[in-house]
Amino acid sequence: MTTNEKILNALRSAIKYLENSVSALNKGDENLLADSVWHGLAELEYVLFLFPMILLSESDFEWKPNSELKKMETGPVLSEAQKLLEKAEEYVVNGKLLDAYKSAYIARHCMLKVQEDLAKKKRETLKRK
């Protein structure tokens, strides 16, 4: 399996986990939401690990996520991450690897924000008990 195929498979897996995350959010199942976000992030970390192996000639790999991200609720952040990963998948298929890497990198920030929000909510709930 080529590196591009590994990236594409991992992106598709991350997208499925994001779909599960959105479904869990809509159902109000925080455990499934946290689990799906964690697994999606694991797939995304693998993608971001693989990209530099094929993009060695590029020098600047730091992109900033949308500054409004910190203010957004979980649902819209998951939707943004899903759109970015779908774009990344499309870019890989079309051979636009740097664009795919950028989309996946920013999607990772979105998913990390969701994970941080879930952890914060859980801590607050435990403090109240």
C-alpha atoms as a PDB file:
ATOM      1  CA  MET A   1       0.000   0.000   0.000  1.00  0.00           C
ATOM      2  CA  THR A   2       1.410   3.389  -0.974  1.00  0.00           C
ATOM      3  CA  THR A   3       1.655   6.321   1.420  1.00  0.00           C
ATOM      4  CA  ASN A   4      -1.090   8.110  -0.510  1.00  0.00           C
ATOM      5  CA  GLU A   5      -3.391   5.107  -0.060  1.00  0.00           C
ATOM      6  CA  LYS A   6      -2.602   4.984   3.663  1.00  0.00           C
ATOM      7  CA  ILE A   7      -3.416   8.681   3.964  1.00  0.00           C
ATOM      8  CA  LEU A   8      -6.654   8.275   2.040  1.00  0.00           C
ATOM      9  CA  ASN A   9      -7.753   5.284   4.154  1.00  0.00           C
ATOM     10  CA  ALA A  10      -6.968   7.101   7.398  1.00  0.00           C
ATOM     11  CA  LEU A  11      -8.813  10.229   6.213  1.00  0.00           C
ATOM     12  CA  ARG A  12     -11.866   8.149   5.332  1.00  0.00           C
ATOM     13  CA  SER A  13     -11.728   6.484   8.731  1.00  0.00           C
ATOM     14  CA  ALA A  14     -11.466   9.879  10.469  1.00  0.00           C
ATOM     15  CA  ILE A  15     -14.480  11.107   8.489  1.00  0.00           C
ATOM     16  CA  LYS A  16     -16.508   8.090   9.643  1.00  0.00           C
ATOM     17  CA  TYR A  17     -15.546   8.769  13.256  1.00  0.00           C
ATOM     18  CA  LEU A  18     -16.598  12.391  12.798  1.00  0.00           C
ATOM     19  CA  GLU A  19     -19.958  11.252  11.451  1.00  0.00           C
ATOM     20  CA  ASN A  20     -20.299   9.089  14.575  1.00  0.00           C
ATOM     21  CA  SER A  21     -19.367  12.126  16.682  1.00  0.00           C
ATOM     22  CA  VAL A  22     -22.096  14.255  15.130  1.00  0.00           C
ATOM     23  CA  SER A  23     -24.609  11.454  15.625  1.00  0.00           C
ATOM     24  CA  ALA A  24     -23.560  11.031  19.269  1.00  0.00           C
ATOM     25  CA  LEU A  25     -23.842  14.786  19.819  1.00  0.00           C
ATOM     26  CA  ASN A  26     -27.361  14.790  18.386  1.00  0.00           C
ATOM     27  CA  LYS A  27     -28.318  11.856  20.646  1.00  0.00           C
ATOM     28  CA  GLY A  28     -26.720  13.487  23.680  1.00  0.00           C
ATOM     29  CA  ASP A  29     -24.374  10.522  24.233  1.00  0.00           C
ATOM     30  CA  GLU A  30     -21.267  12.215  25.617  1.00  0.00           C
ATOM     31  CA  ASN A  31     -19.365   8.946  26.104  1.00  0.00           C
ATOM     32  CA  LEU A  32     -19.778   7.946  22.461  1.00  0.00           C
ATOM     33  CA  LEU A  33     -18.979  11.514  21.406  1.00  0.00           C
ATOM     34  CA  ALA A  34     -15.726  11.531  23.393  1.00  0.00           C
ATOM     35  CA  ASP A  35     -14.789   8.074  22.106  1.00  0.00           C
ATOM     36  CA  SER A  36     -15.498   8.959  18.469  1.00  0.00           C
ATOM     37  CA  VAL A  37     -13.563  12.229  18.705  1.00  0.00           C
ATOM     38  CA  TRP A  38     -10.612  10.395  20.276  1.00  0.00           C
ATOM     39  CA  HIS A  39     -10.536   7.735  17.538  1.00  0.00           C
ATOM     40  CA  GLY A  40     -10.963  10.353  14.809  1.00  0.00           C
ATOM     41  CA  LEU A  41      -8.048  12.312  16.252  1.00  0.00           C
ATOM     42  CA  ALA A  42      -5.922   9.169  16.328  1.00  0.00           C
ATOM     43  CA  GLU A  43      -6.556   8.624  12.618  1.00  0.00           C
ATOM     44  CA  LEU A  44      -5.836  12.278  11.918  1.00  0.00           C
ATOM     45  CA  GLU A  45      -2.551  12.172  13.833  1.00  0.00           C
ATOM     46  CA  TYR A  46      -1.547   9.223  11.656  1.00  0.00           C
ATOM     47  CA  VAL A  47      -2.408  11.251   8.533  1.00  0.00           C
ATOM     48  CA  LEU A  48      -0.377  14.209   9.760  1.00  0.00           C
ATOM     49  CA  PHE A  49       2.510  11.865  10.530  1.00  0.00           C
ATOM     50  CA  LEU A  50       2.473  10.503   6.966  1.00  0.00           C
ATOM     51  CA  PHE A  51       2.191  13.774   5.042  1.00  0.00           C
ATOM     52  CA  PRO A  52       5.713  15.087   5.756  1.00  0.00           C
ATOM     53  CA  MET A  53       7.116  11.838   4.393  1.00  0.00           C
ATOM     54  CA  ILE A  54       5.854  12.732   0.930  1.00  0.00           C
ATOM     55  CA  LEU A  55       6.102  16.523   1.211  1.00  0.00           C
ATOM     56  CA  LEU A  56       9.733  16.858   2.204  1.00  0.00           C
ATOM     57  CA  SER A  57      10.363  19.690  -0.242  1.00  0.00           C
ATOM     58  CA  GLU A  58       7.806  22.020   1.386  1.00  0.00           C
ATOM     59  CA  SER A  59       9.172  24.230   4.145  1.00  0.00           C
ATOM     60  CA  ASP A  60       6.223  25.924   5.874  1.00  0.00           C
ATOM     61  CA  PHE A  61       3.768  23.533   7.517  1.00  0.00           C
ATOM     62  CA  GLU A  62       2.242  25.863  10.118  1.00  0.00           C
ATOM     63  CA  TRP A  63      -1.315  27.001   9.456  1.00  0.00           C
ATOM     64  CA  LYS A  64      -3.576  28.904  11.778  1.00  0.00           C
ATOM     65  CA  PRO A  65      -7.111  27.699  12.449  1.00  0.00           C
ATOM     66  CA  ASN A  66      -9.992  30.150  12.234  1.00  0.00           C
ATOM     67  CA  SER A  67      -9.743  32.609  15.156  1.00  0.00           C
ATOM     68  CA  GLU A  68     -13.503  32.237  15.715  1.00  0.00           C
ATOM     69  CA  LEU A  69     -12.973  28.537  16.513  1.00  0.00           C
ATOM     70  CA  LYS A  70     -12.554  29.178  20.245  1.00  0.00           C
ATOM     71  CA  LYS A  71     -16.005  30.780  20.451  1.00  0.00           C
ATOM     72  CA  MET A  72     -17.852  28.106  18.474  1.00  0.00           C
ATOM     73  CA  GLU A  73     -20.091  25.402  19.956  1.00  0.00           C
ATOM     74  CA  THR A  74     -19.318  21.696  19.569  1.00  0.00           C
ATOM     75  CA  GLY A  75     -21.751  21.013  16.713  1.00  0.00           C
ATOM     76  CA  PRO A  76     -20.461  23.683  14.336  1.00  0.00           C
ATOM     77  CA  VAL A  77     -16.853  22.790  15.171  1.00  0.00           C
ATOM     78  CA  LEU A  78     -17.505  19.135  14.296  1.00  0.00           C
ATOM     79  CA  SER A  79     -19.178  20.226  11.054  1.00  0.00           C
ATOM     80  CA  GLU A  80     -16.174  22.397  10.179  1.00  0.00           C
ATOM     81  CA  ALA A  81     -13.791  19.505  10.877  1.00  0.00           C
ATOM     82  CA  GLN A  82     -15.915  17.193   8.746  1.00  0.00           C
ATOM     83  CA  LYS A  83     -15.882  19.634   5.816  1.00  0.00           C
ATOM     84  CA  LEU A  84     -12.115  20.056   6.118  1.00  0.00           C
ATOM     85  CA  LEU A  85     -11.517  16.298   6.132  1.00  0.00           C
ATOM     86  CA  GLU A  86     -13.794  15.789   3.151  1.00  0.00           C
ATOM     87  CA  LYS A  87     -11.794  18.481   1.326  1.00  0.00           C
ATOM     88  CA  ALA A  88      -8.567  16.757   2.383  1.00  0.00           C
ATOM     89  CA  GLU A  89      -9.842  13.470   0.987  1.00  0.00           C
ATOM     90  CA  GLU A  90     -10.741  15.180  -2.305  1.00  0.00           C
ATOM     91  CA  TYR A  91      -7.332  16.862  -2.450  1.00  0.00           C
ATOM     92  CA  VAL A  92      -5.519  13.542  -1.953  1.00  0.00           C
ATOM     93  CA  VAL A  93      -7.548  11.941  -4.732  1.00  0.00           C
ATOM     94  CA  ASN A  94      -6.675  14.884  -7.013  1.00  0.00           C
ATOM     95  CA  GLY A  95      -2.990  14.827  -6.086  1.00  0.00           C
ATOM     96  CA  LYS A  96      -3.041  18.160  -4.215  1.00  0.00           C
ATOM     97  CA  LEU A  97      -1.154  16.844  -1.218  1.00  0.00           C
ATOM     98  CA  LEU A  98      -0.103  20.142   0.339  1.00  0.00           C
ATOM     99  CA  ASP A  99      -3.716  21.368   0.289  1.00  0.00           C
ATOM    100  CA  ALA A 100      -4.815  18.050   1.792  1.00  0.00           C
ATOM    101  CA  TYR A 101      -2.221  18.373   4.529  1.00  0.00           C
ATOM    102  CA  LYS A 102      -3.373  21.922   5.313  1.00  0.00           C
ATOM    103  CA  SER A 103      -7.034  20.873   5.562  1.00  0.00           C
ATOM    104  CA  ALA A 104      -6.201  17.903   7.774  1.00  0.00           C
ATOM    105  CA  TYR A 105      -3.964  20.065   9.986  1.00  0.00           C
ATOM    106  CA  ILE A 106      -6.711  22.623  10.593  1.00  0.00           C
ATOM    107  CA  ALA A 107      -9.327  19.872  11.114  1.00  0.00           C
ATOM    108  CA  ARG A 108      -7.084  18.504  13.844  1.00  0.00           C
ATOM    109  CA  HIS A 109      -7.306  21.845  15.660  1.00  0.00           C
ATOM    110  CA  CYS A 110     -11.098  21.663  15.439  1.00  0.00           C
ATOM    111  CA  MET A 111     -11.206  18.164  16.884  1.00  0.00           C
ATOM    112  CA  LEU A 112      -8.756  19.066  19.648  1.00  0.00           C
ATOM    113  CA  LYS A 113     -11.028  21.962  20.601  1.00  0.00           C
ATOM    114  CA  VAL A 114     -13.984  19.571  20.882  1.00  0.00           C
ATOM    115  CA  GLN A 115     -11.915  17.190  22.983  1.00  0.00           C
ATOM    116  CA  GLU A 116     -10.826  20.052  25.281  1.00  0.00           C
ATOM    117  CA  ASP A 117     -14.429  21.253  25.649  1.00  0.00           C
ATOM    118  CA  LEU A 118     -15.592  17.735  26.553  1.00  0.00           C
ATOM    119  CA  ALA A 119     -12.848  17.389  29.159  1.00  0.00           C
ATOM    120  CA  LYS A 120     -13.707  20.795  30.635  1.00  0.00           C
ATOM    121  CA  LYS A 121     -17.393  19.902  30.827  1.00  0.00           C
ATOM    122  CA  LYS A 122     -16.564  16.597  32.502  1.00  0.00           C
ATOM    123  CA  ARG A 123     -14.340  18.330  35.092  1.00  0.00           C
ATOM    124  CA  GLU A 124     -17.089  20.852  35.855  1.00  0.00           C
ATOM    125  CA  THR A 125     -19.609  18.054  36.290  1.00  0.00           C
ATOM    126  CA  LEU A 126     -17.288  16.210  38.679  1.00  0.00           C
ATOM    127  CA  LYS A 127     -16.701  19.377  40.714  1.00  0.00           C
ATOM    128  CA  ARG A 128     -20.439  19.806  41.236  1.00  0.00           C
ATOM    129  CA  LYS A 129     -20.772  16.317  42.739  1.00  0.00           C
END
